[in-house]
Amino acid sequence: MYILLSGEPPFNGEDDSEILMKVKKGKYDFSSSKWRTISESAKSLIKSMLCFKPESRIKAKEALKHEWFKKMLGGKVNKKDSVSLK
């Protein structure tokens, strides 16, 4: 979602080792000028998805209920368009 909204990855670097180091630190930001037009709701969802501790990270089913999805879908989720998470 981070890449879809900004066109860039949350963890950037000159090479794989630098990228992996940033992933391990879990540090990312929304400082790029591209984020000025992205809603706070979208940023909130991304923060929940990129939470460093897996046990604290939002689950897919919960993410689909996030206010950003509700707003984008006009409050409607079509059963045939959803994916079973069982």
N, C-alpha and C. Protein backbone atom coordinates (compact mmCIF):
# COMPACT_ATOMS: atom_id res chain seq x y z
N MET A 1 0.83 -1.18 0.00
CA MET A 1 0.00 0.00 0.00
C MET A 1 0.88 1.25 0.00
N TYR A 2 1.97 1.20 0.75
CA TYR A 2 2.90 2.33 0.78
C TYR A 2 3.38 2.64 -0.64
N ILE A 3 3.79 1.60 -1.35
CA ILE A 3 4.29 1.78 -2.71
C ILE A 3 3.17 2.23 -3.65
N LEU A 4 1.99 1.66 -3.50
CA LEU A 4 0.88 2.04 -4.38
C LEU A 4 0.52 3.52 -4.24
N LEU A 5 0.58 4.04 -3.02
CA LEU A 5 0.20 5.43 -2.80
C LEU A 5 1.31 6.43 -3.09
N SER A 6 2.56 6.02 -2.90
CA SER A 6 3.66 6.98 -3.06
C SER A 6 4.55 6.71 -4.27
N GLY A 7 4.51 5.48 -4.75
CA GLY A 7 5.38 5.12 -5.87
C GLY A 7 6.80 4.80 -5.46
N GLU A 8 7.02 4.67 -4.17
CA GLU A 8 8.36 4.34 -3.66
C GLU A 8 8.23 3.41 -2.46
N PRO A 9 9.24 2.58 -2.20
CA PRO A 9 9.16 1.66 -1.07
C PRO A 9 9.39 2.38 0.26
N PRO A 10 8.88 1.81 1.34
CA PRO A 10 9.07 2.42 2.66
C PRO A 10 10.52 2.33 3.15
N PHE A 11 11.24 1.33 2.67
CA PHE A 11 12.63 1.13 3.08
C PHE A 11 13.49 1.17 1.82
N ASN A 12 14.27 2.21 1.70
CA ASN A 12 15.11 2.42 0.53
C ASN A 12 16.58 2.32 0.91
N GLY A 13 17.42 2.04 -0.08
CA GLY A 13 18.85 1.99 0.17
C GLY A 13 19.63 1.79 -1.09
N GLU A 14 20.93 1.92 -0.98
CA GLU A 14 21.83 1.77 -2.14
C GLU A 14 21.95 0.32 -2.58
N ASP A 15 21.81 -0.62 -1.62
CA ASP A 15 21.93 -2.04 -1.94
C ASP A 15 21.06 -2.84 -0.98
N ASP A 16 20.99 -4.15 -1.21
CA ASP A 16 20.14 -5.01 -0.39
C ASP A 16 20.49 -4.96 1.10
N SER A 17 21.77 -4.91 1.41
CA SER A 17 22.15 -4.91 2.83
C SER A 17 21.68 -3.64 3.53
N GLU A 18 21.75 -2.51 2.85
CA GLU A 18 21.28 -1.26 3.44
C GLU A 18 19.76 -1.28 3.62
N ILE A 19 19.06 -1.83 2.63
CA ILE A 19 17.60 -1.95 2.73
C ILE A 19 17.22 -2.86 3.88
N LEU A 20 17.87 -4.02 3.99
CA LEU A 20 17.57 -4.96 5.07
C LEU A 20 17.86 -4.36 6.44
N MET A 21 18.90 -3.56 6.55
CA MET A 21 19.22 -2.90 7.81
C MET A 21 18.06 -1.97 8.21
N LYS A 22 17.52 -1.24 7.24
CA LYS A 22 16.40 -0.33 7.52
C LYS A 22 15.14 -1.10 7.87
N VAL A 23 14.91 -2.22 7.20
CA VAL A 23 13.76 -3.07 7.52
C VAL A 23 13.87 -3.57 8.95
N LYS A 24 15.06 -4.04 9.34
CA LYS A 24 15.27 -4.55 10.70
C LYS A 24 15.04 -3.47 11.76
N LYS A 25 15.36 -2.23 11.43
CA LYS A 25 15.12 -1.13 12.36
C LYS A 25 13.65 -0.72 12.38
N GLY A 26 12.95 -1.03 11.29
CA GLY A 26 11.53 -0.69 11.22
C GLY A 26 11.25 0.78 11.08
N LYS A 27 12.22 1.52 10.58
CA LYS A 27 12.07 2.97 10.46
C LYS A 27 11.67 3.35 9.03
N TYR A 28 10.61 4.10 8.92
CA TYR A 28 10.15 4.64 7.65
C TYR A 28 9.52 6.00 7.96
N ASP A 29 9.23 6.78 6.95
CA ASP A 29 8.60 8.06 7.21
C ASP A 29 7.71 8.47 6.04
N PHE A 30 7.00 9.54 6.26
CA PHE A 30 6.12 10.11 5.25
C PHE A 30 6.60 11.52 4.89
N SER A 31 7.91 11.70 4.86
CA SER A 31 8.44 13.05 4.64
C SER A 31 8.52 13.46 3.18
N SER A 32 8.46 12.51 2.27
CA SER A 32 8.51 12.83 0.84
C SER A 32 7.34 13.74 0.47
N SER A 33 7.56 14.62 -0.48
CA SER A 33 6.51 15.55 -0.90
C SER A 33 5.28 14.81 -1.42
N LYS A 34 5.45 13.58 -1.85
CA LYS A 34 4.33 12.78 -2.36
C LYS A 34 3.29 12.53 -1.29
N TRP A 35 3.70 12.54 -0.02
CA TRP A 35 2.78 12.24 1.06
C TRP A 35 1.93 13.42 1.48
N ARG A 36 2.21 14.59 0.97
CA ARG A 36 1.41 15.78 1.34
C ARG A 36 -0.05 15.64 0.94
N THR A 37 -0.31 14.91 -0.12
CA THR A 37 -1.68 14.77 -0.62
C THR A 37 -2.34 13.47 -0.18
N ILE A 38 -1.65 12.66 0.59
CA ILE A 38 -2.20 11.39 1.07
C ILE A 38 -2.89 11.62 2.41
N SER A 39 -4.08 11.08 2.54
CA SER A 39 -4.88 11.32 3.76
C SER A 39 -4.22 10.75 5.01
N GLU A 40 -4.58 11.35 6.13
CA GLU A 40 -4.09 10.85 7.42
C GLU A 40 -4.65 9.46 7.69
N SER A 41 -5.82 9.19 7.19
CA SER A 41 -6.43 7.87 7.35
C SER A 41 -5.60 6.80 6.65
N ALA A 42 -5.13 7.10 5.44
CA ALA A 42 -4.27 6.16 4.70
C ALA A 42 -2.96 5.95 5.45
N LYS A 43 -2.39 7.03 5.95
CA LYS A 43 -1.13 6.93 6.70
C LYS A 43 -1.33 6.10 7.97
N SER A 44 -2.47 6.27 8.61
CA SER A 44 -2.78 5.51 9.82
C SER A 44 -2.82 4.01 9.51
N LEU A 45 -3.46 3.66 8.41
CA LEU A 45 -3.53 2.25 8.02
C LEU A 45 -2.15 1.70 7.70
N ILE A 46 -1.36 2.46 6.98
CA ILE A 46 0.00 2.03 6.64
C ILE A 46 0.83 1.83 7.90
N LYS A 47 0.71 2.75 8.85
CA LYS A 47 1.44 2.60 10.12
C LYS A 47 1.05 1.30 10.82
N SER A 48 -0.24 0.98 10.77
CA SER A 48 -0.72 -0.26 11.39
C SER A 48 -0.18 -1.49 10.67
N MET A 49 -0.04 -1.39 9.35
CA MET A 49 0.44 -2.51 8.56
C MET A 49 1.95 -2.70 8.67
N LEU A 50 2.68 -1.61 8.88
CA LEU A 50 4.14 -1.68 8.97
C LEU A 50 4.65 -1.71 10.40
N CYS A 51 3.77 -2.00 11.33
CA CYS A 51 4.16 -2.07 12.74
C CYS A 51 5.29 -3.10 12.89
N PHE A 52 6.35 -2.71 13.57
CA PHE A 52 7.55 -3.53 13.68
C PHE A 52 7.29 -4.88 14.35
N LYS A 53 6.53 -4.87 15.44
CA LYS A 53 6.26 -6.11 16.18
C LYS A 53 5.07 -6.83 15.54
N PRO A 54 5.28 -8.05 15.06
CA PRO A 54 4.20 -8.79 14.39
C PRO A 54 2.94 -8.93 15.25
N GLU A 55 3.11 -9.12 16.54
CA GLU A 55 1.94 -9.29 17.41
C GLU A 55 1.12 -8.01 17.54
N SER A 56 1.73 -6.87 17.22
CA SER A 56 1.02 -5.60 17.27
C SER A 56 0.50 -5.16 15.90
N ARG A 57 0.95 -5.83 14.86
CA ARG A 57 0.59 -5.48 13.48
C ARG A 57 -0.88 -5.80 13.21
N ILE A 58 -1.54 -4.94 12.46
CA ILE A 58 -2.94 -5.15 12.12
C ILE A 58 -3.10 -6.41 11.27
N LYS A 59 -4.14 -7.15 11.55
CA LYS A 59 -4.46 -8.36 10.78
C LYS A 59 -5.21 -7.95 9.51
N ALA A 60 -5.15 -8.78 8.49
CA ALA A 60 -5.79 -8.46 7.21
C ALA A 60 -7.28 -8.18 7.39
N LYS A 61 -7.94 -9.01 8.16
CA LYS A 61 -9.38 -8.84 8.38
C LYS A 61 -9.68 -7.50 9.05
N GLU A 62 -8.84 -7.11 10.00
CA GLU A 62 -9.01 -5.83 10.69
C GLU A 62 -8.71 -4.67 9.74
N ALA A 63 -7.69 -4.84 8.91
CA ALA A 63 -7.32 -3.78 7.96
C ALA A 63 -8.46 -3.47 7.02
N LEU A 64 -9.17 -4.50 6.60
CA LEU A 64 -10.30 -4.30 5.68
C LEU A 64 -11.44 -3.52 6.32
N LYS A 65 -11.45 -3.46 7.66
CA LYS A 65 -12.47 -2.71 8.38
C LYS A 65 -12.00 -1.30 8.75
N HIS A 66 -10.78 -0.96 8.38
CA HIS A 66 -10.19 0.34 8.70
C HIS A 66 -10.98 1.46 8.03
N GLU A 67 -11.00 2.62 8.66
CA GLU A 67 -11.74 3.77 8.15
C GLU A 67 -11.34 4.15 6.72
N TRP A 68 -10.07 3.94 6.34
CA TRP A 68 -9.64 4.29 4.99
C TRP A 68 -10.37 3.45 3.95
N PHE A 69 -10.48 2.13 4.19
CA PHE A 69 -11.20 1.27 3.26
C PHE A 69 -12.68 1.65 3.22
N LYS A 70 -13.25 1.92 4.38
CA LYS A 70 -14.66 2.31 4.41
C LYS A 70 -14.90 3.56 3.58
N LYS A 71 -13.99 4.52 3.72
CA LYS A 71 -14.13 5.77 2.96
C LYS A 71 -13.97 5.52 1.46
N MET A 72 -12.97 4.72 1.09
CA MET A 72 -12.71 4.44 -0.33
C MET A 72 -13.85 3.65 -0.97
N LEU A 73 -14.50 2.81 -0.17
CA LEU A 73 -15.58 1.97 -0.69
C LEU A 73 -16.96 2.57 -0.43
N GLY A 74 -16.98 3.78 0.08
CA GLY A 74 -18.26 4.43 0.37
C GLY A 74 -19.04 3.72 1.45
N GLY A 75 -18.32 3.04 2.35
CA GLY A 75 -18.96 2.34 3.46
C GLY A 75 -19.54 0.99 3.08
N LYS A 76 -19.32 0.58 1.82
CA LYS A 76 -19.91 -0.67 1.36
C LYS A 76 -18.82 -1.66 0.96
N VAL A 77 -18.94 -2.87 1.46
CA VAL A 77 -18.04 -3.95 1.04
C VAL A 77 -18.91 -5.02 0.41
N ASN A 78 -18.65 -5.30 -0.85
CA ASN A 78 -19.40 -6.29 -1.58
C ASN A 78 -18.84 -7.68 -1.27
N LYS A 79 -19.67 -8.58 -0.79
CA LYS A 79 -19.23 -9.93 -0.42
C LYS A 79 -18.49 -10.62 -1.56
N LYS A 80 -18.98 -10.49 -2.79
CA LYS A 80 -18.36 -11.19 -3.91
C LYS A 80 -16.98 -10.63 -4.25
N ASP A 81 -16.70 -9.40 -3.82
CA ASP A 81 -15.40 -8.78 -4.09
C ASP A 81 -14.41 -9.01 -2.97
N SER A 82 -14.86 -9.59 -1.86
CA SER A 82 -13.96 -9.80 -0.73
C SER A 82 -13.31 -11.18 -0.81
N VAL A 83 -12.24 -11.34 -0.09
CA VAL A 83 -11.50 -12.59 -0.07
C VAL A 83 -11.69 -13.25 1.28
N SER A 84 -11.92 -14.53 1.28
CA SER A 84 -12.04 -15.26 2.53
C SER A 84 -10.69 -15.33 3.22
N LEU A 85 -10.64 -14.96 4.47
CA LEU A 85 -9.39 -14.96 5.22
C LEU A 85 -9.35 -16.11 6.22
N LYS A 86 -10.15 -17.13 6.00
CA LYS A 86 -10.19 -18.27 6.91
C LYS A 86 -9.03 -19.19 6.67
